[in-house]
Amino acid sequence: MKKKILITLSIILILCVGGFGFYVNDYYHTQGDALEILNHQEVKQVNSNLITLTGIL
């Protein structure tokens, strides 16, 4: 009986770790156009949450 519980908990732990690994590695990458705009001379980054674009478009 203890062996079945241990195996079940081990399987659940393995599934949780695998699911977490998949979740962490599945994210959106920055597109090249966005990086190019951010490297433009007229871009001012006010703080980490606000970026002002002036005269680019």
PDB file of N, CA and C in Angstrom:
ATOM      1  N   MET A   1       0.820  -1.191   0.000  1.00  0.00           N
ATOM      2  CA  MET A   1       0.000   0.000   0.000  1.00  0.00           C
ATOM      3  C   MET A   1       0.870   1.263   0.000  1.00  0.00           C
ATOM      4  N   LYS A   2       1.922   1.296   0.818  1.00  0.00           N
ATOM      5  CA  LYS A   2       2.806   2.459   0.867  1.00  0.00           C
ATOM      6  C   LYS A   2       3.550   2.628  -0.448  1.00  0.00           C
ATOM      7  N   LYS A   3       3.853   1.510  -1.107  1.00  0.00           N
ATOM      8  CA  LYS A   3       4.581   1.569  -2.371  1.00  0.00           C
ATOM      9  C   LYS A   3       3.719   2.225  -3.453  1.00  0.00           C
ATOM     10  N   LYS A   4       2.414   1.925  -3.480  1.00  0.00           N
ATOM     11  CA  LYS A   4       1.513   2.519  -4.467  1.00  0.00           C
ATOM     12  C   LYS A   4       1.390   4.028  -4.243  1.00  0.00           C
ATOM     13  N   ILE A   5       1.296   4.426  -2.983  1.00  0.00           N
ATOM     14  CA  ILE A   5       1.198   5.856  -2.669  1.00  0.00           C
ATOM     15  C   ILE A   5       2.479   6.576  -3.083  1.00  0.00           C
ATOM     16  N   LEU A   6       3.627   5.969  -2.814  1.00  0.00           N
ATOM     17  CA  LEU A   6       4.903   6.567  -3.178  1.00  0.00           C
ATOM     18  C   LEU A   6       5.043   6.698  -4.693  1.00  0.00           C
ATOM     19  N   ILE A   7       4.632   5.680  -5.423  1.00  0.00           N
ATOM     20  CA  ILE A   7       4.693   5.723  -6.891  1.00  0.00           C
ATOM     21  C   ILE A   7       3.746   6.792  -7.426  1.00  0.00           C
ATOM     22  N   THR A   8       2.542   6.875  -6.875  1.00  0.00           N
ATOM     23  CA  THR A   8       1.561   7.868  -7.314  1.00  0.00           C
ATOM     24  C   THR A   8       2.077   9.282  -7.059  1.00  0.00           C
ATOM     25  N   LEU A   9       2.630   9.527  -5.885  1.00  0.00           N
ATOM     26  CA  LEU A   9       3.168  10.851  -5.571  1.00  0.00           C
ATOM     27  C   LEU A   9       4.369  11.184  -6.452  1.00  0.00           C
ATOM     28  N   SER A  10       5.174  10.199  -6.765  1.00  0.00           N
ATOM     29  CA  SER A  10       6.323  10.416  -7.649  1.00  0.00           C
ATOM     30  C   SER A  10       5.867  10.798  -9.048  1.00  0.00           C
ATOM     31  N   ILE A  11       4.853  10.124  -9.551  1.00  0.00           N
ATOM     32  CA  ILE A  11       4.319  10.433 -10.885  1.00  0.00           C
ATOM     33  C   ILE A  11       3.726  11.838 -10.907  1.00  0.00           C
ATOM     34  N   ILE A  12       2.989  12.197  -9.866  1.00  0.00           N
ATOM     35  CA  ILE A  12       2.403  13.536  -9.791  1.00  0.00           C
ATOM     36  C   ILE A  12       3.501  14.591  -9.747  1.00  0.00           C
ATOM     37  N   LEU A  13       4.540  14.352  -8.980  1.00  0.00           N
ATOM     38  CA  LEU A  13       5.654  15.291  -8.888  1.00  0.00           C
ATOM     39  C   LEU A  13       6.361  15.455 -10.235  1.00  0.00           C
ATOM     40  N   ILE A  14       6.589  14.354 -10.918  1.00  0.00           N
ATOM     41  CA  ILE A  14       7.232  14.402 -12.232  1.00  0.00           C
ATOM     42  C   ILE A  14       6.375  15.175 -13.231  1.00  0.00           C
ATOM     43  N   LEU A  15       5.067  14.957 -13.216  1.00  0.00           N
ATOM     44  CA  LEU A  15       4.166  15.681 -14.116  1.00  0.00           C
ATOM     45  C   LEU A  15       4.143  17.175 -13.799  1.00  0.00           C
ATOM     46  N   CYS A  16       4.153  17.509 -12.526  1.00  0.00           N
ATOM     47  CA  CYS A  16       4.164  18.924 -12.134  1.00  0.00           C
ATOM     48  C   CYS A  16       5.460  19.610 -12.558  1.00  0.00           C
ATOM     49  N   VAL A  17       6.581  18.972 -12.345  1.00  0.00           N
ATOM     50  CA  VAL A  17       7.869  19.546 -12.740  1.00  0.00           C
ATOM     51  C   VAL A  17       7.941  19.687 -14.257  1.00  0.00           C
ATOM     52  N   GLY A  18       7.493  18.681 -14.987  1.00  0.00           N
ATOM     53  CA  GLY A  18       7.490  18.754 -16.450  1.00  0.00           C
ATOM     54  C   GLY A  18       6.551  19.840 -16.961  1.00  0.00           C
ATOM     55  N   GLY A  19       5.368  19.942 -16.365  1.00  0.00           N
ATOM     56  CA  GLY A  19       4.421  20.984 -16.756  1.00  0.00           C
ATOM     57  C   GLY A  19       4.961  22.372 -16.480  1.00  0.00           C
ATOM     58  N   PHE A  20       5.606  22.545 -15.345  1.00  0.00           N
ATOM     59  CA  PHE A  20       6.199  23.834 -15.009  1.00  0.00           C
ATOM     60  C   PHE A  20       7.317  24.181 -15.989  1.00  0.00           C
ATOM     61  N   GLY A  21       8.135  23.210 -16.340  1.00  0.00           N
ATOM     62  CA  GLY A  21       9.209  23.442 -17.301  1.00  0.00           C
ATOM     63  C   GLY A  21       8.665  23.846 -18.669  1.00  0.00           C
ATOM     64  N   PHE A  22       7.603  23.213 -19.103  1.00  0.00           N
ATOM     65  CA  PHE A  22       6.979  23.556 -20.381  1.00  0.00           C
ATOM     66  C   PHE A  22       6.390  24.963 -20.321  1.00  0.00           C
ATOM     67  N   TYR A  23       5.737  25.293 -19.209  1.00  0.00           N
ATOM     68  CA  TYR A  23       5.113  26.609 -19.046  1.00  0.00           C
ATOM     69  C   TYR A  23       6.165  27.721 -19.054  1.00  0.00           C
ATOM     70  N   VAL A  24       7.268  27.505 -18.385  1.00  0.00           N
ATOM     71  CA  VAL A  24       8.309  28.526 -18.297  1.00  0.00           C
ATOM     72  C   VAL A  24       8.989  28.739 -19.640  1.00  0.00           C
ATOM     73  N   ASN A  25       9.146  27.717 -20.449  1.00  0.00           N
ATOM     74  CA  ASN A  25       9.840  27.834 -21.733  1.00  0.00           C
ATOM     75  C   ASN A  25       8.948  28.284 -22.874  1.00  0.00           C
ATOM     76  N   ASP A  26       7.650  28.409 -22.656  1.00  0.00           N
ATOM     77  CA  ASP A  26       6.711  28.796 -23.703  1.00  0.00           C
ATOM     78  C   ASP A  26       6.341  30.267 -23.522  1.00  0.00           C
ATOM     79  N   TYR A  27       7.130  31.176 -24.115  1.00  0.00           N
ATOM     80  CA  TYR A  27       6.871  32.598 -23.995  1.00  0.00           C
ATOM     81  C   TYR A  27       7.085  33.267 -25.347  1.00  0.00           C
ATOM     82  N   TYR A  28       6.572  34.469 -25.458  1.00  0.00           N
ATOM     83  CA  TYR A  28       6.698  35.212 -26.706  1.00  0.00           C
ATOM     84  C   TYR A  28       8.056  35.912 -26.766  1.00  0.00           C
ATOM     85  N   HIS A  29       8.701  35.827 -27.909  1.00  0.00           N
ATOM     86  CA  HIS A  29       9.981  36.484 -28.116  1.00  0.00           C
ATOM     87  C   HIS A  29       9.740  37.854 -28.754  1.00  0.00           C
ATOM     88  N   THR A  30      10.627  38.769 -28.489  1.00  0.00           N
ATOM     89  CA  THR A  30      10.535  40.099 -29.069  1.00  0.00           C
ATOM     90  C   THR A  30      10.789  40.032 -30.570  1.00  0.00           C
ATOM     91  N   GLN A  31       9.970  40.739 -31.317  1.00  0.00           N
ATOM     92  CA  GLN A  31      10.146  40.777 -32.761  1.00  0.00           C
ATOM     93  C   GLN A  31      11.256  41.749 -33.126  1.00  0.00           C
ATOM     94  N   GLY A  32      11.881  41.524 -34.246  1.00  0.00           N
ATOM     95  CA  GLY A  32      12.992  42.356 -34.693  1.00  0.00           C
ATOM     96  C   GLY A  32      12.608  43.816 -34.880  1.00  0.00           C
ATOM     97  N   ASP A  33      11.385  44.067 -35.373  1.00  0.00           N
ATOM     98  CA  ASP A  33      10.943  45.447 -35.580  1.00  0.00           C
ATOM     99  C   ASP A  33      10.884  46.209 -34.261  1.00  0.00           C
ATOM    100  N   ALA A  34      10.399  45.559 -33.220  1.00  0.00           N
ATOM    101  CA  ALA A  34      10.297  46.212 -31.914  1.00  0.00           C
ATOM    102  C   ALA A  34      11.680  46.549 -31.373  1.00  0.00           C
ATOM    103  N   LEU A  35      12.624  45.644 -31.526  1.00  0.00           N
ATOM    104  CA  LEU A  35      13.988  45.919 -31.068  1.00  0.00           C
ATOM    105  C   LEU A  35      14.614  47.062 -31.853  1.00  0.00           C
ATOM    106  N   GLU A  36      14.336  47.121 -33.155  1.00  0.00           N
ATOM    107  CA  GLU A  36      14.887  48.188 -33.987  1.00  0.00           C
ATOM    108  C   GLU A  36      14.327  49.551 -33.563  1.00  0.00           C
ATOM    109  N   ILE A  37      13.046  49.608 -33.259  1.00  0.00           N
ATOM    110  CA  ILE A  37      12.430  50.867 -32.823  1.00  0.00           C
ATOM    111  C   ILE A  37      13.005  51.302 -31.475  1.00  0.00           C
ATOM    112  N   LEU A  38      13.182  50.353 -30.562  1.00  0.00           N
ATOM    113  CA  LEU A  38      13.710  50.707 -29.252  1.00  0.00           C
ATOM    114  C   LEU A  38      15.146  51.201 -29.314  1.00  0.00           C
ATOM    115  N   ASN A  39      15.900  50.786 -30.323  1.00  0.00           N
ATOM    116  CA  ASN A  39      17.282  51.231 -30.475  1.00  0.00           C
ATOM    117  C   ASN A  39      17.405  52.547 -31.238  1.00  0.00           C
ATOM    118  N   HIS A  40      16.266  53.082 -31.683  1.00  0.00           N
ATOM    119  CA  HIS A  40      16.265  54.338 -32.435  1.00  0.00           C
ATOM    120  C   HIS A  40      16.670  55.493 -31.519  1.00  0.00           C
ATOM    121  N   GLN A  41      17.291  56.529 -32.092  1.00  0.00           N
ATOM    122  CA  GLN A  41      17.801  57.650 -31.303  1.00  0.00           C
ATOM    123  C   GLN A  41      16.702  58.470 -30.629  1.00  0.00           C
ATOM    124  N   GLU A  42      15.519  58.540 -31.229  1.00  0.00           N
ATOM    125  CA  GLU A  42      14.466  59.411 -30.700  1.00  0.00           C
ATOM    126  C   GLU A  42      13.541  58.711 -29.711  1.00  0.00           C
ATOM    127  N   VAL A  43      13.889  57.546 -29.263  1.00  0.00           N
ATOM    128  CA  VAL A  43      13.083  56.826 -28.284  1.00  0.00           C
ATOM    129  C   VAL A  43      13.568  57.195 -26.894  1.00  0.00           C
ATOM    130  N   LYS A  44      12.619  57.600 -26.058  1.00  0.00           N
ATOM    131  CA  LYS A  44      12.957  57.953 -24.685  1.00  0.00           C
ATOM    132  C   LYS A  44      12.266  56.983 -23.740  1.00  0.00           C
ATOM    133  N   GLN A  45      13.027  56.309 -22.923  1.00  0.00           N
ATOM    134  CA  GLN A  45      12.451  55.402 -21.940  1.00  0.00           C
ATOM    135  C   GLN A  45      12.358  56.162 -20.618  1.00  0.00           C
ATOM    136  N   VAL A  46      11.119  56.497 -20.224  1.00  0.00           N
ATOM    137  CA  VAL A  46      10.902  57.302 -19.029  1.00  0.00           C
ATOM    138  C   VAL A  46      11.135  56.465 -17.779  1.00  0.00           C
ATOM    139  N   ASN A  47      10.533  55.311 -17.725  1.00  0.00           N
ATOM    140  CA  ASN A  47      10.800  54.348 -16.653  1.00  0.00           C
ATOM    141  C   ASN A  47      10.586  52.954 -17.228  1.00  0.00           C
ATOM    142  N   SER A  48      10.624  51.944 -16.416  1.00  0.00           N
ATOM    143  CA  SER A  48      10.550  50.585 -16.938  1.00  0.00           C
ATOM    144  C   SER A  48       9.189  50.241 -17.531  1.00  0.00           C
ATOM    145  N   ASN A  49       8.148  51.040 -17.237  1.00  0.00           N
ATOM    146  CA  ASN A  49       6.800  50.724 -17.726  1.00  0.00           C
ATOM    147  C   ASN A  49       6.325  51.664 -18.833  1.00  0.00           C
ATOM    148  N   LEU A  50       7.058  52.734 -19.125  1.00  0.00           N
ATOM    149  CA  LEU A  50       6.602  53.732 -20.076  1.00  0.00           C
ATOM    150  C   LEU A  50       7.711  54.065 -21.063  1.00  0.00           C
ATOM    151  N   ILE A  51       7.411  53.899 -22.330  1.00  0.00           N
ATOM    152  CA  ILE A  51       8.361  54.246 -23.393  1.00  0.00           C
ATOM    153  C   ILE A  51       7.667  55.248 -24.303  1.00  0.00           C
ATOM    154  N   THR A  52       8.318  56.400 -24.556  1.00  0.00           N
ATOM    155  CA  THR A  52       7.744  57.442 -25.391  1.00  0.00           C
ATOM    156  C   THR A  52       8.432  57.405 -26.749  1.00  0.00           C
ATOM    157  N   LEU A  53       7.633  57.316 -27.810  1.00  0.00           N
ATOM    158  CA  LEU A  53       8.152  57.329 -29.173  1.00  0.00           C
ATOM    159  C   LEU A  53       7.838  58.698 -29.768  1.00  0.00           C
ATOM    160  N   THR A  54       8.869  59.445 -30.167  1.00  0.00           N
ATOM    161  CA  THR A  54       8.637  60.780 -30.732  1.00  0.00           C
ATOM    162  C   THR A  54       9.290  60.874 -32.090  1.00  0.00           C
ATOM    163  N   GLY A  55       8.525  61.284 -33.083  1.00  0.00           N
ATOM    164  CA  GLY A  55       9.060  61.559 -34.404  1.00  0.00           C
ATOM    165  C   GLY A  55       9.519  60.352 -35.195  1.00  0.00           C
ATOM    166  N   ILE A  56       9.113  59.153 -34.861  1.00  0.00           N
ATOM    167  CA  ILE A  56       9.549  57.969 -35.605  1.00  0.00           C
ATOM    168  C   ILE A  56       8.631  57.703 -36.781  1.00  0.00           C
ATOM    169  N   LEU A  57       7.343  57.842 -36.571  1.00  0.00           N
ATOM    170  CA  LEU A  57       6.388  57.518 -37.612  1.00  0.00           C
ATOM    171  C   LEU A  57       6.242  58.699 -38.489  1.00  0.00           C
TER     172      LEU A  57
END
